[in-house]
Amino acid sequence: ADLTARAPAEEKQQVFKAEKAQYRQSKQYLKPLRRALRDGEVDAGVIFSLAEIAKDSGQRRYRAAKEAYMRLAIGNHPWPMGVTFVTFHDRAARHKIGEGAQAHVLDDETTRKYVQMVKRLVTFAER
């Protein structure tokens, strides 16, 4: 239900307080995204992924929206972030892992916050 349409007695409950805190945080995390979009500072790939998430959520295809979020958040990299030494044995061409790779979208703190906010909105829409 809408946060403003709640009964006064319900406002004292812990669940309401948590929802209100998440709402405020999401609103705060949205500001840098809106500013970056306005100024044209968001990467085209991120914009495409956000549009795909919004389209899928709008059509109530939440599984597809979550998959698009995962592609945005972690990508399709063959190696987990930061993992290059996975065995005790030296691998051939190990030094080439991550070479020339683009910086990860979640490396930037501001980007990480608004990407998490997008996931929160998808989860909220699914309820």
N, C-alpha and C. Protein backbone atom coordinates (compact mmCIF):
# COMPACT_ATOMS: atom_id res chain seq x y z
N ALA A 1 0.84 -1.19 0.00
CA ALA A 1 0.00 0.00 0.00
C ALA A 1 0.88 1.24 0.00
N ASP A 2 0.26 2.34 -0.35
CA ASP A 2 0.95 3.62 -0.40
C ASP A 2 1.37 4.04 1.01
N LEU A 3 2.58 4.57 1.14
CA LEU A 3 3.08 4.96 2.46
C LEU A 3 2.26 6.09 3.07
N THR A 4 1.72 6.98 2.23
CA THR A 4 0.96 8.12 2.77
C THR A 4 -0.46 7.75 3.16
N ALA A 5 -0.95 6.59 2.69
CA ALA A 5 -2.33 6.18 2.97
C ALA A 5 -2.42 5.20 4.14
N ARG A 6 -1.40 5.14 4.95
CA ARG A 6 -1.40 4.20 6.08
C ARG A 6 -2.10 4.82 7.29
N ALA A 7 -2.62 3.95 8.13
CA ALA A 7 -3.28 4.38 9.36
C ALA A 7 -2.21 4.87 10.34
N PRO A 8 -2.55 5.85 11.19
CA PRO A 8 -1.57 6.37 12.15
C PRO A 8 -1.01 5.30 13.08
N ALA A 9 -1.82 4.32 13.46
CA ALA A 9 -1.34 3.26 14.35
C ALA A 9 -0.30 2.38 13.65
N GLU A 10 -0.45 2.25 12.34
CA GLU A 10 0.47 1.42 11.57
C GLU A 10 1.85 2.07 11.42
N GLU A 11 1.90 3.40 11.54
CA GLU A 11 3.16 4.13 11.37
C GLU A 11 4.19 3.80 12.45
N LYS A 12 3.75 3.29 13.57
CA LYS A 12 4.66 2.96 14.67
C LYS A 12 5.25 1.56 14.55
N GLN A 13 4.76 0.78 13.62
CA GLN A 13 5.25 -0.59 13.45
C GLN A 13 6.60 -0.59 12.74
N GLN A 14 7.40 -1.58 13.09
CA GLN A 14 8.76 -1.68 12.55
C GLN A 14 8.76 -1.88 11.03
N VAL A 15 7.79 -2.63 10.52
CA VAL A 15 7.72 -2.89 9.07
C VAL A 15 7.51 -1.58 8.32
N PHE A 16 6.63 -0.74 8.84
CA PHE A 16 6.37 0.55 8.21
C PHE A 16 7.62 1.42 8.23
N LYS A 17 8.31 1.43 9.34
CA LYS A 17 9.53 2.24 9.45
C LYS A 17 10.60 1.76 8.47
N ALA A 18 10.72 0.46 8.29
CA ALA A 18 11.70 -0.09 7.35
C ALA A 18 11.32 0.28 5.91
N GLU A 19 10.04 0.18 5.58
CA GLU A 19 9.59 0.55 4.24
C GLU A 19 9.82 2.02 3.96
N LYS A 20 9.56 2.84 4.96
CA LYS A 20 9.75 4.28 4.82
C LYS A 20 11.23 4.61 4.63
N ALA A 21 12.09 3.92 5.36
CA ALA A 21 13.53 4.15 5.22
C ALA A 21 14.00 3.72 3.84
N GLN A 22 13.49 2.59 3.33
CA GLN A 22 13.86 2.15 1.99
C GLN A 22 13.37 3.13 0.93
N TYR A 23 12.18 3.67 1.13
CA TYR A 23 11.64 4.66 0.20
C TYR A 23 12.54 5.90 0.15
N ARG A 24 12.90 6.39 1.32
CA ARG A 24 13.76 7.58 1.37
C ARG A 24 15.12 7.32 0.74
N GLN A 25 15.69 6.14 1.02
CA GLN A 25 16.99 5.80 0.47
C GLN A 25 16.91 5.66 -1.05
N SER A 26 15.86 5.03 -1.55
CA SER A 26 15.70 4.87 -2.99
C SER A 26 15.55 6.23 -3.67
N LYS A 27 14.80 7.10 -3.05
CA LYS A 27 14.62 8.45 -3.59
C LYS A 27 15.96 9.18 -3.64
N GLN A 28 16.76 9.00 -2.60
CA GLN A 28 18.08 9.64 -2.53
C GLN A 28 19.01 9.05 -3.59
N TYR A 29 18.96 7.74 -3.81
CA TYR A 29 19.83 7.07 -4.78
C TYR A 29 19.43 7.39 -6.22
N LEU A 30 18.17 7.80 -6.43
CA LEU A 30 17.69 8.12 -7.76
C LEU A 30 18.22 9.46 -8.25
N LYS A 31 18.50 10.38 -7.35
CA LYS A 31 18.94 11.72 -7.74
C LYS A 31 20.20 11.72 -8.61
N PRO A 32 21.26 10.99 -8.23
CA PRO A 32 22.45 11.01 -9.10
C PRO A 32 22.19 10.41 -10.48
N LEU A 33 21.32 9.41 -10.56
CA LEU A 33 20.98 8.81 -11.85
C LEU A 33 20.27 9.83 -12.72
N ARG A 34 19.31 10.52 -12.18
CA ARG A 34 18.58 11.53 -12.94
C ARG A 34 19.51 12.65 -13.41
N ARG A 35 20.41 13.06 -12.53
CA ARG A 35 21.37 14.12 -12.87
C ARG A 35 22.31 13.65 -13.98
N ALA A 36 22.82 12.41 -13.87
CA ALA A 36 23.73 11.88 -14.88
C ALA A 36 23.02 11.68 -16.22
N LEU A 37 21.76 11.24 -16.18
CA LEU A 37 20.99 11.10 -17.42
C LEU A 37 20.78 12.46 -18.08
N ARG A 38 20.45 13.44 -17.28
CA ARG A 38 20.23 14.80 -17.79
C ARG A 38 21.49 15.35 -18.45
N ASP A 39 22.64 15.10 -17.83
CA ASP A 39 23.90 15.64 -18.32
C ASP A 39 24.55 14.75 -19.38
N GLY A 40 23.94 13.61 -19.69
CA GLY A 40 24.47 12.71 -20.71
C GLY A 40 25.73 11.98 -20.28
N GLU A 41 25.86 11.70 -18.99
CA GLU A 41 27.07 11.07 -18.46
C GLU A 41 26.94 9.57 -18.22
N VAL A 42 25.78 9.01 -18.54
CA VAL A 42 25.56 7.58 -18.32
C VAL A 42 25.94 6.82 -19.59
N ASP A 43 26.69 5.74 -19.43
CA ASP A 43 27.12 4.91 -20.54
C ASP A 43 25.89 4.37 -21.29
N ALA A 44 26.01 4.28 -22.60
CA ALA A 44 24.89 3.81 -23.43
C ALA A 44 24.47 2.39 -23.06
N GLY A 45 25.42 1.54 -22.69
CA GLY A 45 25.08 0.17 -22.28
C GLY A 45 24.26 0.14 -21.01
N VAL A 46 24.56 1.03 -20.07
CA VAL A 46 23.79 1.11 -18.83
C VAL A 46 22.38 1.62 -19.13
N ILE A 47 22.28 2.61 -20.00
CA ILE A 47 20.96 3.15 -20.37
C ILE A 47 20.12 2.06 -21.04
N PHE A 48 20.74 1.28 -21.94
CA PHE A 48 20.03 0.19 -22.61
C PHE A 48 19.53 -0.83 -21.59
N SER A 49 20.39 -1.18 -20.63
CA SER A 49 20.00 -2.17 -19.61
C SER A 49 18.88 -1.64 -18.73
N LEU A 50 18.96 -0.38 -18.33
CA LEU A 50 17.91 0.22 -17.50
C LEU A 50 16.58 0.26 -18.27
N ALA A 51 16.65 0.58 -19.56
CA ALA A 51 15.43 0.61 -20.38
C ALA A 51 14.83 -0.79 -20.49
N GLU A 52 15.69 -1.78 -20.65
CA GLU A 52 15.22 -3.17 -20.75
C GLU A 52 14.54 -3.61 -19.44
N ILE A 53 15.14 -3.24 -18.31
CA ILE A 53 14.56 -3.57 -17.00
C ILE A 53 13.21 -2.90 -16.84
N ALA A 54 13.13 -1.62 -17.21
CA ALA A 54 11.87 -0.87 -17.09
C ALA A 54 10.79 -1.46 -17.99
N LYS A 55 11.17 -1.80 -19.22
CA LYS A 55 10.20 -2.36 -20.17
C LYS A 55 9.66 -3.70 -19.66
N ASP A 56 10.57 -4.57 -19.21
CA ASP A 56 10.15 -5.88 -18.71
C ASP A 56 9.28 -5.74 -17.46
N SER A 57 9.64 -4.83 -16.57
CA SER A 57 8.83 -4.63 -15.36
C SER A 57 7.46 -4.08 -15.71
N GLY A 58 7.41 -3.17 -16.67
CA GLY A 58 6.14 -2.59 -17.10
C GLY A 58 5.22 -3.62 -17.71
N GLN A 59 5.80 -4.64 -18.33
CA GLN A 59 5.01 -5.71 -18.93
C GLN A 59 4.83 -6.89 -17.99
N ARG A 60 5.21 -6.70 -16.74
CA ARG A 60 5.10 -7.70 -15.67
C ARG A 60 5.88 -8.98 -15.97
N ARG A 61 6.98 -8.83 -16.67
CA ARG A 61 7.88 -9.95 -16.91
C ARG A 61 9.07 -9.79 -15.95
N TYR A 62 8.83 -10.12 -14.70
CA TYR A 62 9.80 -9.83 -13.64
C TYR A 62 11.03 -10.73 -13.73
N ARG A 63 10.87 -11.94 -14.20
CA ARG A 63 12.04 -12.82 -14.35
C ARG A 63 13.00 -12.23 -15.39
N ALA A 64 12.46 -11.76 -16.50
CA ALA A 64 13.30 -11.14 -17.53
C ALA A 64 13.94 -9.85 -17.01
N ALA A 65 13.19 -9.10 -16.19
CA ALA A 65 13.73 -7.87 -15.61
C ALA A 65 14.88 -8.19 -14.66
N LYS A 66 14.72 -9.26 -13.87
CA LYS A 66 15.79 -9.65 -12.95
C LYS A 66 17.01 -10.14 -13.71
N GLU A 67 16.80 -10.85 -14.81
CA GLU A 67 17.93 -11.31 -15.62
C GLU A 67 18.66 -10.12 -16.24
N ALA A 68 17.91 -9.12 -16.70
CA ALA A 68 18.52 -7.91 -17.25
C ALA A 68 19.30 -7.18 -16.15
N TYR A 69 18.76 -7.17 -14.94
CA TYR A 69 19.47 -6.56 -13.81
C TYR A 69 20.79 -7.29 -13.54
N MET A 70 20.74 -8.62 -13.56
CA MET A 70 21.96 -9.39 -13.31
C MET A 70 23.00 -9.14 -14.40
N ARG A 71 22.57 -9.02 -15.63
CA ARG A 71 23.51 -8.71 -16.71
C ARG A 71 24.12 -7.33 -16.49
N LEU A 72 23.31 -6.39 -16.02
CA LEU A 72 23.82 -5.05 -15.73
C LEU A 72 24.77 -5.08 -14.55
N ALA A 73 24.38 -5.78 -13.50
CA ALA A 73 25.15 -5.76 -12.26
C ALA A 73 26.46 -6.53 -12.36
N ILE A 74 26.42 -7.75 -12.90
CA ILE A 74 27.65 -8.55 -12.93
C ILE A 74 28.12 -8.89 -14.32
N GLY A 75 27.29 -8.69 -15.32
CA GLY A 75 27.69 -8.94 -16.69
C GLY A 75 27.78 -10.41 -17.01
N ASN A 76 28.42 -10.70 -18.13
CA ASN A 76 28.59 -12.08 -18.58
C ASN A 76 30.06 -12.47 -18.53
N HIS A 77 30.77 -11.98 -17.54
CA HIS A 77 32.19 -12.25 -17.43
C HIS A 77 32.43 -13.71 -17.08
N PRO A 78 33.45 -14.33 -17.70
CA PRO A 78 33.73 -15.73 -17.38
C PRO A 78 34.38 -15.92 -16.02
N TRP A 79 34.95 -14.86 -15.46
CA TRP A 79 35.62 -14.94 -14.16
C TRP A 79 34.91 -14.04 -13.17
N PRO A 80 34.74 -14.46 -11.94
CA PRO A 80 34.18 -13.57 -10.92
C PRO A 80 35.08 -12.36 -10.74
N MET A 81 34.50 -11.25 -10.34
CA MET A 81 35.27 -10.02 -10.16
C MET A 81 36.42 -10.24 -9.19
N GLY A 82 37.60 -9.87 -9.61
CA GLY A 82 38.75 -9.92 -8.73
C GLY A 82 39.39 -11.27 -8.57
N VAL A 83 38.82 -12.32 -9.14
CA VAL A 83 39.37 -13.66 -8.97
C VAL A 83 40.26 -13.98 -10.17
N THR A 84 41.55 -14.11 -9.92
CA THR A 84 42.45 -14.52 -10.98
C THR A 84 43.22 -15.77 -10.58
N PHE A 85 43.41 -15.99 -9.29
CA PHE A 85 44.13 -17.16 -8.80
C PHE A 85 43.11 -18.16 -8.27
N VAL A 86 42.70 -19.10 -9.12
CA VAL A 86 41.65 -20.04 -8.71
C VAL A 86 42.20 -21.42 -8.41
N THR A 87 43.45 -21.67 -8.74
CA THR A 87 44.05 -22.97 -8.45
C THR A 87 45.44 -22.76 -7.88
N PHE A 88 46.02 -23.82 -7.39
CA PHE A 88 47.39 -23.73 -6.89
C PHE A 88 48.38 -23.76 -8.05
N HIS A 89 47.95 -24.25 -9.18
CA HIS A 89 48.84 -24.39 -10.33
C HIS A 89 48.74 -23.15 -11.21
N ASP A 90 49.87 -22.78 -11.76
CA ASP A 90 49.89 -21.62 -12.65
C ASP A 90 49.21 -21.98 -13.96
N ARG A 91 48.26 -21.17 -14.38
CA ARG A 91 47.53 -21.43 -15.62
C ARG A 91 48.22 -20.72 -16.78
N ALA A 92 48.15 -21.32 -17.93
CA ALA A 92 48.69 -20.69 -19.12
C ALA A 92 47.89 -19.42 -19.41
N ALA A 93 48.56 -18.35 -19.69
CA ALA A 93 47.95 -17.06 -20.03
C ALA A 93 47.14 -16.48 -18.88
N ARG A 94 47.46 -16.86 -17.63
CA ARG A 94 46.74 -16.33 -16.48
C ARG A 94 46.89 -14.80 -16.39
N HIS A 95 48.02 -14.31 -16.80
CA HIS A 95 48.27 -12.87 -16.71
C HIS A 95 47.37 -12.07 -17.65
N LYS A 96 46.72 -12.73 -18.61
CA LYS A 96 45.85 -12.03 -19.54
C LYS A 96 44.41 -11.90 -19.02
N ILE A 97 44.10 -12.53 -17.91
CA ILE A 97 42.74 -12.46 -17.37
C ILE A 97 42.47 -11.03 -16.94
N GLY A 98 41.42 -10.48 -17.46
CA GLY A 98 41.04 -9.12 -17.11
C GLY A 98 41.80 -8.06 -17.89
N GLU A 99 42.71 -8.46 -18.75
CA GLU A 99 43.48 -7.51 -19.53
C GLU A 99 42.58 -6.87 -20.56
N GLY A 100 42.60 -5.57 -20.63
CA GLY A 100 41.79 -4.86 -21.61
C GLY A 100 40.31 -4.88 -21.29
N ALA A 101 39.94 -5.37 -20.14
CA ALA A 101 38.52 -5.43 -19.79
C ALA A 101 38.04 -4.05 -19.37
N GLN A 102 36.81 -3.78 -19.66
CA GLN A 102 36.21 -2.52 -19.28
C GLN A 102 35.97 -2.51 -17.77
N ALA A 103 36.05 -1.35 -17.15
CA ALA A 103 35.80 -1.26 -15.71
C ALA A 103 34.39 -1.76 -15.42
N HIS A 104 34.23 -2.42 -14.31
CA HIS A 104 32.94 -3.00 -13.95
C HIS A 104 31.97 -1.90 -13.54
N VAL A 105 30.70 -2.08 -13.87
CA VAL A 105 29.70 -1.05 -13.62
C VAL A 105 29.53 -0.79 -12.12
N LEU A 106 29.74 -1.78 -11.27
CA LEU A 106 29.55 -1.60 -9.84
C LEU A 106 30.80 -1.10 -9.12
N ASP A 107 31.87 -0.81 -9.85
CA ASP A 107 33.07 -0.29 -9.22
C ASP A 107 32.86 1.13 -8.71
N ASP A 108 31.99 1.88 -9.36
CA ASP A 108 31.69 3.25 -8.95
C ASP A 108 30.59 3.22 -7.88
N GLU A 109 30.82 3.87 -6.76
CA GLU A 109 29.88 3.83 -5.64
C GLU A 109 28.52 4.41 -6.00
N THR A 110 28.50 5.52 -6.72
CA THR A 110 27.24 6.15 -7.10
C THR A 110 26.45 5.24 -8.04
N THR A 111 27.14 4.65 -9.01
CA THR A 111 26.47 3.74 -9.94
C THR A 111 25.94 2.52 -9.20
N ARG A 112 26.71 2.00 -8.28
CA ARG A 112 26.27 0.85 -7.49
C ARG A 112 24.99 1.16 -6.75
N LYS A 113 24.90 2.36 -6.20
CA LYS A 113 23.71 2.73 -5.44
C LYS A 113 22.47 2.79 -6.32
N TYR A 114 22.57 3.43 -7.49
CA TYR A 114 21.35 3.51 -8.29
C TYR A 114 21.02 2.20 -8.99
N VAL A 115 22.00 1.34 -9.23
CA VAL A 115 21.69 0.02 -9.77
C VAL A 115 20.96 -0.81 -8.71
N GLN A 116 21.38 -0.71 -7.46
CA GLN A 116 20.67 -1.39 -6.37
C GLN A 116 19.25 -0.84 -6.21
N MET A 117 19.10 0.46 -6.39
CA MET A 117 17.78 1.08 -6.29
C MET A 117 16.86 0.55 -7.38
N VAL A 118 17.39 0.34 -8.57
CA VAL A 118 16.59 -0.21 -9.67
C VAL A 118 16.11 -1.61 -9.31
N LYS A 119 16.98 -2.42 -8.74
CA LYS A 119 16.59 -3.77 -8.31
C LYS A 119 15.50 -3.71 -7.24
N ARG A 120 15.64 -2.77 -6.33
CA ARG A 120 14.63 -2.60 -5.29
C ARG A 120 13.27 -2.24 -5.90
N LEU A 121 13.27 -1.39 -6.94
CA LEU A 121 12.02 -1.01 -7.59
C LEU A 121 11.39 -2.20 -8.32
N VAL A 122 12.21 -3.03 -8.93
CA VAL A 122 11.69 -4.24 -9.60
C VAL A 122 11.05 -5.16 -8.57
N THR A 123 11.73 -5.36 -7.46
CA THR A 123 11.20 -6.22 -6.40
C THR A 123 9.89 -5.65 -5.85
N PHE A 124 9.83 -4.33 -5.67
CA PHE A 124 8.61 -3.69 -5.16
C PHE A 124 7.47 -3.85 -6.16
N ALA A 125 7.76 -3.67 -7.44
CA ALA A 125 6.72 -3.81 -8.48
C ALA A 125 6.18 -5.22 -8.56
N GLU A 126 7.04 -6.19 -8.24
CA GLU A 126 6.65 -7.60 -8.30
C GLU A 126 5.66 -7.97 -7.20
N ARG A 127 5.68 -7.29 -6.10
CA ARG A 127 4.79 -7.62 -4.98
C ARG A 127 3.37 -7.39 -5.28
